[in-house]
Structures are given as C-alpha cells and as structure tokens.
Protein backbone atom coordinates (compact mmCIF):
# COMPACT_ATOMS: atom_id res chain seq x y z
CA UNK A 1 -9.38 -4.85 -14.88
CA UNK A 2 -5.95 -4.97 -13.31
CA UNK A 3 -5.63 -4.91 -9.51
CA UNK A 4 -4.23 -1.85 -7.74
CA UNK A 5 -3.58 -1.56 -4.01
CA UNK A 6 -3.11 1.77 -2.21
CA UNK A 7 -1.09 1.91 1.02
CA UNK A 8 -1.38 5.11 3.07
CA UNK A 9 1.20 6.88 5.20
CA UNK A 10 1.86 6.85 8.93
CA UNK A 11 -1.16 7.93 11.03
CA UNK A 12 -3.28 7.94 7.85
CA UNK A 13 -6.16 5.86 6.59
CA UNK A 14 -7.33 4.28 3.37
CA UNK A 15 -9.41 7.39 2.63
CA UNK A 16 -6.18 9.19 1.67
CA UNK A 17 -6.17 7.15 -1.53
CA UNK A 18 -9.76 7.87 -2.60
CA UNK A 19 -9.02 10.84 -4.91
CA UNK A 20 -6.21 9.03 -6.72
CA UNK A 21 -7.96 5.68 -6.94
CA UNK A 22 -11.17 7.24 -8.23
CA UNK A 23 -9.16 8.65 -11.15
CA UNK A 24 -7.80 5.17 -11.92
CA UNK A 25 -10.94 3.13 -11.31
CA UNK A 26 -11.85 2.82 -15.01
CA UNK A 27 -8.62 0.88 -15.66
CA UNK A 28 -7.88 -0.76 -12.29
CA UNK A 29 -9.79 -2.71 -9.68
CA UNK A 30 -8.71 -0.60 -6.70
CA UNK A 31 -8.27 -1.78 -3.12
CA UNK A 32 -7.65 0.68 -0.33
CA UNK A 33 -6.37 -0.77 2.94
CA UNK A 34 -6.22 0.60 6.46
CA UNK A 35 -2.77 -0.57 7.54
CA UNK A 36 -2.64 -2.52 10.82
CA UNK A 37 -2.86 -0.20 13.81
CA UNK A 38 -4.30 2.68 11.77
CA UNK A 39 -7.83 4.05 11.64
CA UNK A 40 -10.17 1.07 12.25
CA UNK A 41 -7.67 -1.75 11.61
CA UNK A 42 -6.40 -3.64 14.66
CA UNK A 43 -2.67 -3.73 15.32
CA UNK A 44 -0.72 -6.73 14.02
CA UNK A 45 2.94 -7.52 14.67
CA UNK A 46 3.64 -8.71 11.13
CA UNK A 47 2.36 -5.96 8.85
CA UNK A 48 3.80 -7.50 5.68
CA UNK A 49 2.09 -10.86 6.25
CA UNK A 50 -1.22 -9.14 6.93
CA UNK A 51 -1.02 -7.51 3.47
CA UNK A 52 -0.32 -10.72 1.53
CA UNK A 53 -4.01 -11.62 0.86
CA UNK A 54 -4.48 -8.31 -0.98
CA UNK A 55 -1.46 -9.13 -3.16
CA UNK A 56 -2.59 -12.52 -4.47
CA UNK A 57 -3.16 -11.17 -8.01
CA UNK A 58 0.19 -9.30 -8.22
CA UNK A 59 -1.29 -5.79 -8.16
CA UNK A 60 0.25 -2.46 -8.89
CA UNK A 61 0.99 -1.02 -5.43
CA UNK A 62 0.87 2.72 -4.84
CA UNK A 63 2.42 3.60 -1.51
CA UNK A 64 2.52 7.01 0.10
CA UNK A 65 5.26 7.74 2.67
CA UNK A 66 5.31 4.75 5.06
CA UNK A 67 3.07 2.90 2.58
CA UNK A 68 5.77 3.43 -0.04
CA UNK A 69 8.37 1.98 2.27
CA UNK A 70 6.16 -1.08 2.74
CA UNK A 71 5.66 -1.29 -1.04
CA UNK A 72 9.44 -1.47 -1.50
CA UNK A 73 9.46 -4.51 0.80
CA UNK A 74 6.59 -6.10 -1.16
CA UNK A 75 7.90 -5.53 -4.67
CA UNK A 76 8.32 -9.24 -5.42
CA UNK A 77 4.57 -9.64 -4.83
CA UNK A 78 3.62 -6.75 -7.13
CA UNK A 79 3.37 -6.17 -10.86
CA UNK A 80 4.80 -2.70 -10.25
CA UNK A 81 5.21 -0.27 -7.38
CA UNK A 82 4.81 3.48 -7.28
CA UNK A 83 6.29 5.18 -4.23
CA UNK A 84 5.27 8.71 -3.34
CA UNK A 85 7.37 10.61 -0.77
CA UNK A 86 8.94 7.35 0.46
CA UNK A 87 12.42 6.54 1.72
CA UNK A 88 13.83 3.01 1.80
CA UNK A 89 15.36 3.54 5.26
CA UNK A 90 18.81 4.13 6.61
CA UNK A 91 21.46 1.45 6.18
CA UNK A 92 23.53 2.60 9.16
CA UNK A 93 22.91 4.54 12.34
C-alpha cells in the first residue's frame, strides 16, 4: 500500500490523526508522528530534517494547521500534500 504521513497541529499529538488515518488504512500504510517538542517527542532545532526518514518513500502528507505549513515546506519529498486549516505564512511584517 502507498505511504501516508499525518502531521498534527501546534500543541497537538499524533493521536489527532487516528480517526482520519483509520478511514484510509485499507489503501495507505499510515504513519502518525509526534512532531519534535510535542507530546512525547523531544525538541529538535531542525524539525524538517527530523521528518526526512518518514518521507523516504515519497508519501502523501496530510498536515493539519502547523503540520500543513510543514507539509508545504516538504512538498518536494512527497507524492502529494493535503493541507487542512494551514497558512503558508506571511511574506512581510
């Protein structure tokens, strides 16, 4: 099955993706990640680099809120991205 990675929002945890990923588990091999500094995952300065091992098979990335913003930065490492309630960030102050 195709790989799918779920990235949660700020102050969230990988459990946020359980309902959605359980619906998709017959078609996708789902991976839910606690982002660095959230839930049980230790903080890391380079969040994007810490996610690279989960992206080795060019997964579909579903990102919610902050996870969607990270997905936008990882799109070259993904087959596709789905952003839910995400904003790419402000270009100017």
